[in-house]
PDB file of N, CA and C in Angstrom:
ATOM      1  N   MET A   1    -184.881  54.189-111.140  1.00  0.00           N
ATOM      2  CA  MET A   1    -185.896  54.195-110.645  1.00  0.00           C
ATOM      3  C   MET A   1    -186.735  55.956-110.662  1.00  0.00           C
ATOM      4  N   LEU A   2    -187.582  56.808-110.156  1.00  0.00           N
ATOM      5  CA  LEU A   2    -187.907  58.100-110.737  1.00  0.00           C
ATOM      6  C   LEU A   2    -188.639  58.220-109.093  1.00  0.00           C
ATOM      7  N   ALA A   3    -188.035  59.330-108.707  1.00  0.00           N
ATOM      8  CA  ALA A   3    -189.483  59.464-107.172  1.00  0.00           C
ATOM      9  C   ALA A   3    -189.136  61.072-107.922  1.00  0.00           C
ATOM     10  N   ILE A   4    -190.995  60.712-107.504  1.00  0.00           N
ATOM     11  CA  ILE A   4    -192.113  62.010-107.701  1.00  0.00           C
ATOM     12  C   ILE A   4    -192.440  62.250-106.111  1.00  0.00           C
ATOM     13  N   ARG A   5    -193.038  63.948-106.341  1.00  0.00           N
ATOM     14  CA  ARG A   5    -194.206  64.268-104.543  1.00  0.00           C
ATOM     15  C   ARG A   5    -195.173  64.773-105.744  1.00  0.00           C
ATOM     16  N   GLY A   6    -196.150  64.078-104.744  1.00  0.00           N
ATOM     17  CA  GLY A   6    -197.757  63.993-105.245  1.00  0.00           C
ATOM     18  C   GLY A   6    -198.675  64.246-104.129  1.00  0.00           C
ATOM     19  N   HIS A   7    -199.809  64.290-104.430  1.00  0.00           N
ATOM     20  CA  HIS A   7    -201.070  64.620-102.956  1.00  0.00           C
ATOM     21  C   HIS A   7    -201.968  63.766-103.569  1.00  0.00           C
ATOM     22  N   PHE A   8    -202.688  62.874-102.797  1.00  0.00           N
ATOM     23  CA  PHE A   8    -204.136  62.375-103.350  1.00  0.00           C
ATOM     24  C   PHE A   8    -205.143  63.279-102.585  1.00  0.00           C
ATOM     25  N   ASP A   9    -205.777  63.138-103.504  1.00  0.00           N
ATOM     26  CA  ASP A   9    -206.980  64.224-104.002  1.00  0.00           C
ATOM     27  C   ASP A   9    -208.201  63.440-103.196  1.00  0.00           C
ATOM     28  N   GLY A  10    -207.856  62.717-102.330  1.00  0.00           N
ATOM     29  CA  GLY A  10    -209.219  61.614-102.017  1.00  0.00           C
ATOM     30  C   GLY A  10    -210.158  61.029-103.356  1.00  0.00           C
ATOM     31  N   LYS A  11    -209.127  61.121-104.200  1.00  0.00           N
ATOM     32  CA  LYS A  11    -209.967  60.438-105.579  1.00  0.00           C
ATOM     33  C   LYS A  11    -209.365  59.258-106.078  1.00  0.00           C
ATOM     34  N   VAL A  12    -207.937  60.551-106.698  1.00  0.00           N
ATOM     35  CA  VAL A  12    -206.556  59.749-107.205  1.00  0.00           C
ATOM     36  C   VAL A  12    -205.409  60.751-107.309  1.00  0.00           C
ATOM     37  N   LEU A  13    -204.235  59.914-107.139  1.00  0.00           N
ATOM     38  CA  LEU A  13    -202.687  60.060-106.577  1.00  0.00           C
ATOM     39  C   LEU A  13    -202.478  61.530-107.597  1.00  0.00           C
ATOM     40  N   VAL A  14    -202.082  62.574-106.973  1.00  0.00           N
ATOM     41  CA  VAL A  14    -202.280  63.822-108.409  1.00  0.00           C
ATOM     42  C   VAL A  14    -199.965  64.253-108.031  1.00  0.00           C
ATOM     43  N   PRO A  15    -199.438  64.117-109.163  1.00  0.00           N
ATOM     44  CA  PRO A  15    -198.063  64.345-109.282  1.00  0.00           C
ATOM     45  C   PRO A  15    -198.026  65.844-108.941  1.00  0.00           C
ATOM     46  N   ASP A  16    -197.241  66.586-107.982  1.00  0.00           N
ATOM     47  CA  ASP A  16    -196.894  67.946-108.445  1.00  0.00           C
ATOM     48  C   ASP A  16    -196.348  68.308-109.355  1.00  0.00           C
ATOM     49  N   GLU A  17    -195.545  68.109-109.783  1.00  0.00           N
ATOM     50  CA  GLU A  17    -195.150  68.879-111.208  1.00  0.00           C
ATOM     51  C   GLU A  17    -195.350  67.721-112.550  1.00  0.00           C
ATOM     52  N   PRO A  18    -195.345  68.378-113.560  1.00  0.00           N
ATOM     53  CA  PRO A  18    -195.425  67.653-114.918  1.00  0.00           C
ATOM     54  C   PRO A  18    -193.949  66.779-114.695  1.00  0.00           C
ATOM     55  N   VAL A  19    -194.710  65.401-115.269  1.00  0.00           N
ATOM     56  CA  VAL A  19    -194.548  64.023-115.150  1.00  0.00           C
ATOM     57  C   VAL A  19    -194.200  63.571-117.319  1.00  0.00           C
ATOM     58  N   GLU A  20    -193.478  63.752-117.134  1.00  0.00           N
ATOM     59  CA  GLU A  20    -193.211  63.114-118.967  1.00  0.00           C
ATOM     60  C   GLU A  20    -193.281  61.368-119.178  1.00  0.00           C
ATOM     61  N   PHE A  21    -193.849  60.630-118.889  1.00  0.00           N
ATOM     62  CA  PHE A  21    -194.798  59.618-119.747  1.00  0.00           C
ATOM     63  C   PHE A  21    -195.529  59.676-121.132  1.00  0.00           C
ATOM     64  N   PRO A  22    -195.414  58.853-122.330  1.00  0.00           N
ATOM     65  CA  PRO A  22    -196.135  58.722-123.043  1.00  0.00           C
ATOM     66  C   PRO A  22    -198.175  58.135-121.876  1.00  0.00           C
ATOM     67  N   SER A  23    -198.848  58.399-122.662  1.00  0.00           N
ATOM     68  CA  SER A  23    -200.431  58.047-122.226  1.00  0.00           C
ATOM     69  C   SER A  23    -200.569  57.307-121.991  1.00  0.00           C
ATOM     70  N   GLY A  24    -200.413  55.968-121.392  1.00  0.00           N
ATOM     71  CA  GLY A  24    -201.262  54.621-121.710  1.00  0.00           C
ATOM     72  C   GLY A  24    -199.799  54.784-120.538  1.00  0.00           C
ATOM     73  N   GLN A  25    -199.109  55.113-120.348  1.00  0.00           N
ATOM     74  CA  GLN A  25    -197.814  54.418-120.086  1.00  0.00           C
ATOM     75  C   GLN A  25    -198.228  53.404-118.604  1.00  0.00           C
ATOM     76  N   ARG A  26    -197.897  52.249-118.413  1.00  0.00           N
ATOM     77  CA  ARG A  26    -198.669  51.251-116.749  1.00  0.00           C
ATOM     78  C   ARG A  26    -196.904  51.400-116.609  1.00  0.00           C
ATOM     79  N   LEU A  27    -197.762  51.977-115.205  1.00  0.00           N
ATOM     80  CA  LEU A  27    -196.220  51.933-114.026  1.00  0.00           C
ATOM     81  C   LEU A  27    -196.438  51.061-113.173  1.00  0.00           C
ATOM     82  N   ILE A  28    -195.350  50.645-112.875  1.00  0.00           N
ATOM     83  CA  ILE A  28    -195.729  50.523-110.562  1.00  0.00           C
ATOM     84  C   ILE A  28    -195.440  51.445-109.743  1.00  0.00           C
ATOM     85  N   ILE A  29    -196.287  51.606-108.612  1.00  0.00           N
ATOM     86  CA  ILE A  29    -196.227  52.896-107.704  1.00  0.00           C
ATOM     87  C   ILE A  29    -196.045  52.104-106.902  1.00  0.00           C
ATOM     88  N   ARG A  30    -194.725  52.849-106.508  1.00  0.00           N
ATOM     89  CA  ARG A  30    -194.551  52.395-104.562  1.00  0.00           C
ATOM     90  C   ARG A  30    -195.530  53.589-103.752  1.00  0.00           C
ATOM     91  N   LEU A  31    -195.506  53.470-102.631  1.00  0.00           N
ATOM     92  CA  LEU A  31    -196.227  54.911-101.924  1.00  0.00           C
ATOM     93  C   LEU A  31    -195.617  54.730-100.933  1.00  0.00           C
ATOM     94  N   GLU A  32    -195.049  56.027-100.302  1.00  0.00           N
ATOM     95  CA  GLU A  32    -194.702  56.262 -98.509  1.00  0.00           C
ATOM     96  C   GLU A  32    -195.002  57.830 -98.219  1.00  0.00           C
ATOM     97  N   PRO A  33    -195.169  57.921 -97.396  1.00  0.00           N
ATOM     98  CA  PRO A  33    -195.752  59.337 -96.976  1.00  0.00           C
ATOM     99  C   PRO A  33    -194.225  60.457 -96.763  1.00  0.00           C
ATOM    100  N   ASP A  34    -194.689  61.505 -97.748  1.00  0.00           N
ATOM    101  CA  ASP A  34    -193.722  62.393 -97.634  1.00  0.00           C
ATOM    102  C   ASP A  34    -193.396  62.528 -95.855  1.00  0.00           C
ATOM    103  N   ALA A  35    -192.286  63.463 -95.432  1.00  0.00           N
ATOM    104  CA  ALA A  35    -191.861  64.176 -94.626  1.00  0.00           C
ATOM    105  C   ALA A  35    -193.106  64.899 -93.547  1.00  0.00           C
ATOM    106  N   PRO A  36    -193.653  63.830 -93.234  1.00  0.00           N
ATOM    107  CA  PRO A  36    -194.518  65.640 -91.859  1.00  0.00           C
ATOM    108  C   PRO A  36    -194.344  66.471 -91.639  1.00  0.00           C
ATOM    109  N   VAL A  37    -195.508  67.643 -91.792  1.00  0.00           N
ATOM    110  CA  VAL A  37    -195.445  69.282 -92.211  1.00  0.00           C
ATOM    111  C   VAL A  37    -195.522  68.863 -89.972  1.00  0.00           C
ATOM    112  N   PRO A  38    -194.848  69.375 -89.963  1.00  0.00           N
ATOM    113  CA  PRO A  38    -193.940  69.835 -88.169  1.00  0.00           C
ATOM    114  C   PRO A  38    -195.666  71.244 -87.999  1.00  0.00           C
ATOM    115  N   PRO A  39    -196.227  70.832 -87.171  1.00  0.00           N
ATOM    116  CA  PRO A  39    -197.544  71.875 -86.487  1.00  0.00           C
ATOM    117  C   PRO A  39    -196.439  73.014 -86.206  1.00  0.00           C
ATOM    118  N   LEU A  40    -197.734  74.351 -86.282  1.00  0.00           N
ATOM    119  CA  LEU A  40    -197.085  75.747 -86.508  1.00  0.00           C
ATOM    120  C   LEU A  40    -196.996  75.814 -84.573  1.00  0.00           C
ATOM    121  N   GLN A  41    -195.563  76.587 -84.868  1.00  0.00           N
ATOM    122  CA  GLN A  41    -195.444  77.011 -83.363  1.00  0.00           C
ATOM    123  C   GLN A  41    -195.798  78.814 -83.514  1.00  0.00           C
ATOM    124  N   GLY A  42    -196.122  78.738 -82.005  1.00  0.00           N
ATOM    125  CA  GLY A  42    -195.593  80.849 -81.719  1.00  0.00           C
ATOM    126  C   GLY A  42    -197.329  81.170 -81.537  1.00  0.00           C
ATOM    127  N   THR A  43    -197.451  82.501 -81.596  1.00  0.00           N
ATOM    128  CA  THR A  43    -198.467  83.008 -81.751  1.00  0.00           C
ATOM    129  C   THR A  43    -199.344  83.159 -82.524  1.00  0.00           C
ATOM    130  N   PRO A  44    -200.654  83.064 -82.284  1.00  0.00           N
ATOM    131  CA  PRO A  44    -201.763  82.975 -83.672  1.00  0.00           C
ATOM    132  C   PRO A  44    -201.638  84.551 -83.654  1.00  0.00           C
ATOM    133  N   GLY A  45    -201.453  84.851 -85.087  1.00  0.00           N
ATOM    134  CA  GLY A  45    -201.513  87.064 -85.090  1.00  0.00           C
ATOM    135  C   GLY A  45    -203.174  87.310 -84.552  1.00  0.00           C
ATOM    136  N   THR A  46    -204.106  85.834 -84.348  1.00  0.00           N
ATOM    137  CA  THR A  46    -205.327  87.076 -84.079  1.00  0.00           C
ATOM    138  C   THR A  46    -205.303  87.715 -82.373  1.00  0.00           C
ATOM    139  N   ALA A  47    -204.511  86.478 -81.586  1.00  0.00           N
ATOM    140  CA  ALA A  47    -203.923  87.143 -80.395  1.00  0.00           C
ATOM    141  C   ALA A  47    -202.666  88.265 -80.632  1.00  0.00           C
ATOM    142  N   LEU A  48    -202.442  89.034 -81.631  1.00  0.00           N
ATOM    143  CA  LEU A  48    -202.166  90.173 -81.508  1.00  0.00           C
ATOM    144  C   LEU A  48    -202.672  91.715 -81.969  1.00  0.00           C
ATOM    145  N   LEU A  49    -203.637  90.694 -82.191  1.00  0.00           N
ATOM    146  CA  LEU A  49    -204.657  92.167 -82.796  1.00  0.00           C
ATOM    147  C   LEU A  49    -205.012  93.108 -81.189  1.00  0.00           C
ATOM    148  N   PRO A  50    -204.770  93.275 -80.232  1.00  0.00           N
ATOM    149  CA  PRO A  50    -204.736  94.032 -79.000  1.00  0.00           C
ATOM    150  C   PRO A  50    -203.396  95.185 -79.648  1.00  0.00           C
ATOM    151  N   PHE A  51    -202.528  94.537 -79.912  1.00  0.00           N
ATOM    152  CA  PHE A  51    -201.790  95.366 -80.208  1.00  0.00           C
ATOM    153  C   PHE A  51    -201.187  96.364 -81.525  1.00  0.00           C
ATOM    154  N   VAL A  52    -201.815  96.109 -82.802  1.00  0.00           N
ATOM    155  CA  VAL A  52    -201.875  96.490 -83.558  1.00  0.00           C
ATOM    156  C   VAL A  52    -202.473  98.777 -83.479  1.00  0.00           C
ATOM    157  N   GLY A  53    -201.280  99.452 -84.413  1.00  0.00           N
ATOM    158  CA  GLY A  53    -201.615 100.894 -83.700  1.00  0.00           C
ATOM    159  C   GLY A  53    -200.596 101.387 -82.426  1.00  0.00           C
ATOM    160  N   THR A  54    -200.169 100.316 -81.598  1.00  0.00           N
ATOM    161  CA  THR A  54    -199.493 100.662 -80.271  1.00  0.00           C
ATOM    162  C   THR A  54    -198.399 101.255 -80.539  1.00  0.00           C
ATOM    163  N   MET A  55    -197.205 100.824 -81.959  1.00  0.00           N
ATOM    164  CA  MET A  55    -196.220 101.577 -81.863  1.00  0.00           C
ATOM    165  C   MET A  55    -196.517 103.127 -82.364  1.00  0.00           C
ATOM    166  N   SER A  56    -195.907 104.099 -82.626  1.00  0.00           N
ATOM    167  CA  SER A  56    -195.572 105.088 -83.397  1.00  0.00           C
ATOM    168  C   SER A  56    -195.106 104.836 -84.313  1.00  0.00           C
ATOM    169  N   ALA A  57    -194.874 105.386 -85.538  1.00  0.00           N
ATOM    170  CA  ALA A  57    -194.227 106.012 -86.565  1.00  0.00           C
ATOM    171  C   ALA A  57    -193.444 105.524 -86.388  1.00  0.00           C
ATOM    172  N   GLU A  58    -192.212 106.817 -85.837  1.00  0.00           N
ATOM    173  CA  GLU A  58    -190.770 106.638 -85.048  1.00  0.00           C
ATOM    174  C   GLU A  58    -190.833 105.728 -85.012  1.00  0.00           C
ATOM    175  N   GLU A  59    -190.849 104.765 -83.932  1.00  0.00           N
ATOM    176  CA  GLU A  59    -190.632 103.752 -83.617  1.00  0.00           C
ATOM    177  C   GLU A  59    -189.971 102.462 -84.185  1.00  0.00           C
ATOM    178  N   ALA A  60    -191.063 102.601 -84.616  1.00  0.00           N
ATOM    179  CA  ALA A  60    -191.392 101.594 -86.077  1.00  0.00           C
ATOM    180  C   ALA A  60    -190.420 101.597 -87.196  1.00  0.00           C
ATOM    181  N   ALA A  61    -189.600 102.920 -87.438  1.00  0.00           N
ATOM    182  CA  ALA A  61    -188.721 103.445 -88.300  1.00  0.00           C
ATOM    183  C   ALA A  61    -187.589 103.121 -87.200  1.00  0.00           C
ATOM    184  N   GLN A  62    -187.922 103.050 -86.038  1.00  0.00           N
ATOM    185  CA  GLN A  62    -185.943 103.123 -85.342  1.00  0.00           C
ATOM    186  C   GLN A  62    -186.324 101.608 -85.352  1.00  0.00           C
ATOM    187  N   MET A  63    -186.612 100.741 -85.457  1.00  0.00           N
ATOM    188  CA  MET A  63    -187.720  99.444 -85.717  1.00  0.00           C
ATOM    189  C   MET A  63    -186.640  98.785 -86.977  1.00  0.00           C
ATOM    190  N   MET A  64    -187.121  99.097 -87.868  1.00  0.00           N
ATOM    191  CA  MET A  64    -186.558  98.563 -89.407  1.00  0.00           C
ATOM    192  C   MET A  64    -184.987  99.323 -89.373  1.00  0.00           C
ATOM    193  N   ARG A  65    -184.738 100.270 -88.883  1.00  0.00           N
ATOM    194  CA  ARG A  65    -183.492 100.151 -88.816  1.00  0.00           C
ATOM    195  C   ARG A  65    -182.397  99.764 -88.489  1.00  0.00           C
ATOM    196  N   ASP A  66    -183.005  99.083 -86.600  1.00  0.00           N
ATOM    197  CA  ASP A  66    -181.635  98.166 -85.841  1.00  0.00           C
ATOM    198  C   ASP A  66    -181.822  96.864 -86.486  1.00  0.00           C
ATOM    199  N   ILE A  67    -183.249  96.333 -86.966  1.00  0.00           N
ATOM    200  CA  ILE A  67    -183.224  95.196 -87.658  1.00  0.00           C
ATOM    201  C   ILE A  67    -182.103  95.265 -89.178  1.00  0.00           C
ATOM    202  N   GLU A  68    -182.451  96.426 -89.675  1.00  0.00           N
ATOM    203  CA  GLU A  68    -181.465  96.382 -90.894  1.00  0.00           C
ATOM    204  C   GLU A  68    -180.093  96.035 -90.577  1.00  0.00           C
ATOM    205  N   GLU A  69    -179.786  96.835 -89.443  1.00  0.00           N
ATOM    206  CA  GLU A  69    -178.173  97.356 -89.737  1.00  0.00           C
ATOM    207  C   GLU A  69    -177.712  95.985 -88.423  1.00  0.00           C
ATOM    208  N   GLY A  70    -178.757  95.314 -88.222  1.00  0.00           N
ATOM    209  CA  GLY A  70    -178.151  94.130 -86.477  1.00  0.00           C
ATOM    210  C   GLY A  70    -178.178  92.834 -87.069  1.00  0.00           C
ATOM    211  N   CYS A  71    -179.469  92.858 -87.990  1.00  0.00           N
ATOM    212  CA  CYS A  71    -179.837  91.340 -88.195  1.00  0.00           C
ATOM    213  C   CYS A  71    -178.456  90.724 -89.330  1.00  0.00           C
ATOM    214  N   GLY A  72    -178.639  89.803 -88.824  1.00  0.00           N
ATOM    215  CA  GLY A  72    -177.555  88.687 -90.069  1.00  0.00           C
ATOM    216  C   GLY A  72    -175.756  89.528 -89.338  1.00  0.00           C
ATOM    217  N   ARG A  73    -175.895  89.326 -88.498  1.00  0.00           N
ATOM    218  CA  ARG A  73    -174.267  89.447 -87.766  1.00  0.00           C
ATOM    219  C   ARG A  73    -174.238  88.402 -87.258  1.00  0.00           C
ATOM    220  N   VAL A  74    -173.458  88.392 -86.847  1.00  0.00           N
ATOM    221  CA  VAL A  74    -172.466  87.277 -85.656  1.00  0.00           C
ATOM    222  C   VAL A  74    -171.155  87.286 -85.186  1.00  0.00           C
ATOM    223  N   ASP A  75    -171.957  87.317 -83.859  1.00  0.00           N
ATOM    224  CA  ASP A  75    -170.790  87.689 -82.435  1.00  0.00           C
ATOM    225  C   ASP A  75    -169.326  86.534 -82.594  1.00  0.00           C
ATOM    226  N   GLU A  76    -168.997  86.460 -82.992  1.00  0.00           N
ATOM    227  CA  GLU A  76    -168.531  85.061 -82.777  1.00  0.00           C
ATOM    228  C   GLU A  76    -167.426  84.730 -80.849  1.00  0.00           C
ATOM    229  N   ASP A  77    -167.707  85.931 -80.281  1.00  0.00           N
ATOM    230  CA  ASP A  77    -167.405  85.772 -79.059  1.00  0.00           C
ATOM    231  C   ASP A  77    -168.777  85.600 -78.360  1.00  0.00           C
ATOM    232  N   GLY A  78    -169.539  85.521 -78.682  1.00  0.00           N
ATOM    233  CA  GLY A  78    -170.571  85.261 -77.953  1.00  0.00           C
ATOM    234  C   GLY A  78    -171.552  83.791 -78.125  1.00  0.00           C
ATOM    235  N   TRP A  79    -170.493  82.797 -79.075  1.00  0.00           N
ATOM    236  CA  TRP A  79    -170.984  81.838 -78.573  1.00  0.00           C
ATOM    237  C   TRP A  79    -170.657  80.922 -77.984  1.00  0.00           C
TER     238      TRP A  79
END
């Protein structure tokens, strides 16, 4: 059995990737919903607009350095 992902465009089922069957091949199609997409969480970008331009170029550069140096590290004693 082959499982493929696809979507319904309102009229027909459309595979999300190419499917290799001869044209006219009859198939039995069993449908089940894909995993639901969780709702977005967090702050909408429009709510952050008041903060645009409030950080100096130097502060932004320091933040980038701190991120590059500190992210990805694990403090094993911190758990």
